[in-house]
Amino acid sequence: MEKDHAYYSNIVDDPRYASEPSKEEFPMFESLKLTIERTLPYWNNVIVPQLKEGKKILIAAHGNSLRGIVKHLDNMSDEAIMGLNLPTGIPFVTQWSLAPCSLVRVW
């Protein structure tokens, strides 16, 4: 997002970002790598413990966030993830079994 974008100031001046990053450090974009760095801690610290408790989880997220999670779960290469398309508005189901650990995807 360029600094002259209509919403740039709304985002950069949002009180939730008051402590960091500084306006000079504020990212102008978010790559898949940065998205993964941001979303995996939430996945590991919040979602996985709930899965281990046997809860059913519904995740509604932006395409890149979902691609990052799929990349992590499927251990996909950088090249492979670039070819993955998660269509907007089309749900997909991931069934997770902890014993034995297995992942079954239903598209």
Protein backbone atom coordinates (compact mmCIF):
# COMPACT_ATOMS: atom_id res chain seq x y z
CA MET A 1 0.00 0.00 0.00
CA GLU A 2 1.41 3.35 -1.01
CA LYS A 3 1.53 6.24 1.46
CA ASP A 4 -0.93 8.23 -0.64
CA HIS A 5 -3.55 5.46 -0.46
CA ALA A 6 -6.84 6.61 1.09
CA TYR A 7 -6.57 4.14 4.00
CA TYR A 8 -2.83 4.31 4.68
CA SER A 9 -3.11 6.86 7.51
CA ASN A 10 -6.04 5.00 9.06
CA ILE A 11 -3.92 1.87 9.32
CA VAL A 12 -0.58 3.41 10.31
CA ASP A 13 -2.20 5.68 12.91
CA ASP A 14 -4.34 2.90 14.39
CA PRO A 15 -3.78 2.88 18.19
CA ARG A 16 -3.25 -0.91 18.10
CA TYR A 17 0.06 -0.26 16.35
CA ALA A 18 1.23 2.52 18.69
CA SER A 19 4.05 0.49 20.25
CA GLU A 20 5.45 -0.99 17.04
CA PRO A 21 6.30 -0.85 14.25
CA SER A 22 7.27 2.81 13.92
CA LYS A 23 5.87 4.72 10.95
CA GLU A 24 9.25 4.38 9.25
CA GLU A 25 9.27 0.59 9.83
CA PHE A 26 5.62 0.06 8.93
CA PRO A 27 5.51 -2.49 6.08
CA MET A 28 4.15 -1.40 2.73
CA PHE A 29 3.22 -4.99 1.84
CA GLU A 30 2.96 -8.43 3.38
CA SER A 31 4.65 -11.30 1.59
CA LEU A 32 3.66 -14.92 2.10
CA LYS A 33 6.78 -15.33 4.25
CA LEU A 34 5.71 -12.46 6.53
CA THR A 35 2.16 -13.80 6.63
CA ILE A 36 3.44 -17.20 7.75
CA GLU A 37 5.63 -15.60 10.43
CA ARG A 38 2.55 -13.76 11.70
CA THR A 39 0.02 -16.60 11.54
CA LEU A 40 1.95 -19.70 12.63
CA PRO A 41 2.34 -18.59 16.26
CA TYR A 42 -1.44 -18.25 16.45
CA TRP A 43 -1.85 -21.63 14.78
CA ASN A 44 0.56 -23.31 17.19
CA ASN A 45 -0.48 -21.51 20.38
CA VAL A 46 -4.25 -21.23 19.96
CA ILE A 47 -5.61 -23.54 17.28
CA VAL A 48 -3.48 -26.67 17.81
CA PRO A 49 -4.27 -26.88 21.56
CA GLN A 50 -7.98 -26.70 20.74
CA LEU A 51 -7.60 -29.45 18.14
CA LYS A 52 -5.85 -31.58 20.76
CA GLU A 53 -8.88 -31.05 23.01
CA GLY A 54 -11.02 -32.52 20.24
CA LYS A 55 -12.71 -29.26 19.33
CA LYS A 56 -13.93 -28.52 15.83
CA ILE A 57 -12.38 -25.33 14.52
CA LEU A 58 -13.71 -22.99 11.86
CA ILE A 59 -11.11 -20.71 10.30
CA ALA A 60 -12.20 -17.85 8.07
CA ALA A 61 -9.19 -15.98 6.76
CA HIS A 62 -7.56 -14.18 3.87
CA GLY A 63 -6.17 -16.37 1.10
CA ASN A 64 -2.51 -15.78 1.96
CA SER A 65 -3.08 -16.64 5.63
CA LEU A 66 -4.74 -19.89 4.60
CA ARG A 67 -2.01 -20.64 2.06
CA GLY A 68 0.59 -20.19 4.81
CA ILE A 69 -1.18 -22.64 7.08
CA VAL A 70 -1.58 -25.18 4.25
CA LYS A 71 2.11 -24.74 3.35
CA HIS A 72 3.04 -25.52 6.95
CA LEU A 73 0.67 -28.48 7.35
CA ASP A 74 1.55 -30.07 4.02
CA ASN A 75 5.26 -29.19 4.28
CA MET A 76 5.06 -27.62 0.82
CA SER A 77 8.03 -26.05 -0.91
CA ASP A 78 8.05 -22.36 -1.81
CA GLU A 79 7.59 -23.33 -5.44
CA ALA A 80 4.67 -25.68 -4.74
CA ILE A 81 2.75 -23.16 -2.64
CA MET A 82 2.92 -20.61 -5.45
CA GLY A 83 0.79 -22.98 -7.54
CA LEU A 84 -1.86 -23.49 -4.86
CA ASN A 85 -5.08 -21.60 -5.43
CA LEU A 86 -7.60 -21.41 -2.61
CA PRO A 87 -10.69 -19.95 -4.29
CA THR A 88 -12.48 -17.19 -2.41
CA GLY A 89 -15.76 -18.30 -0.88
CA ILE A 90 -15.20 -22.01 -1.52
CA PRO A 91 -14.82 -23.85 1.80
CA PHE A 92 -12.40 -26.70 2.26
CA VAL A 93 -12.24 -29.15 5.13
CA THR A 94 -9.16 -30.50 6.80
CA GLN A 95 -9.70 -33.49 9.05
CA TRP A 96 -7.02 -33.96 11.66
CA SER A 97 -6.38 -37.14 13.59
CA LEU A 98 -3.89 -37.02 16.45
CA ALA A 99 -3.56 -40.77 16.98
CA PRO A 100 -1.96 -41.65 14.68
CA CYS A 101 -1.24 -38.15 13.44
CA SER A 102 -2.70 -37.79 9.98
CA LEU A 103 -4.11 -35.08 7.80
CA VAL A 104 -6.93 -35.66 5.35
CA ARG A 105 -8.01 -32.82 3.10
CA VAL A 106 -11.44 -32.64 1.52
CA TRP A 107 -11.71 -29.86 -1.07
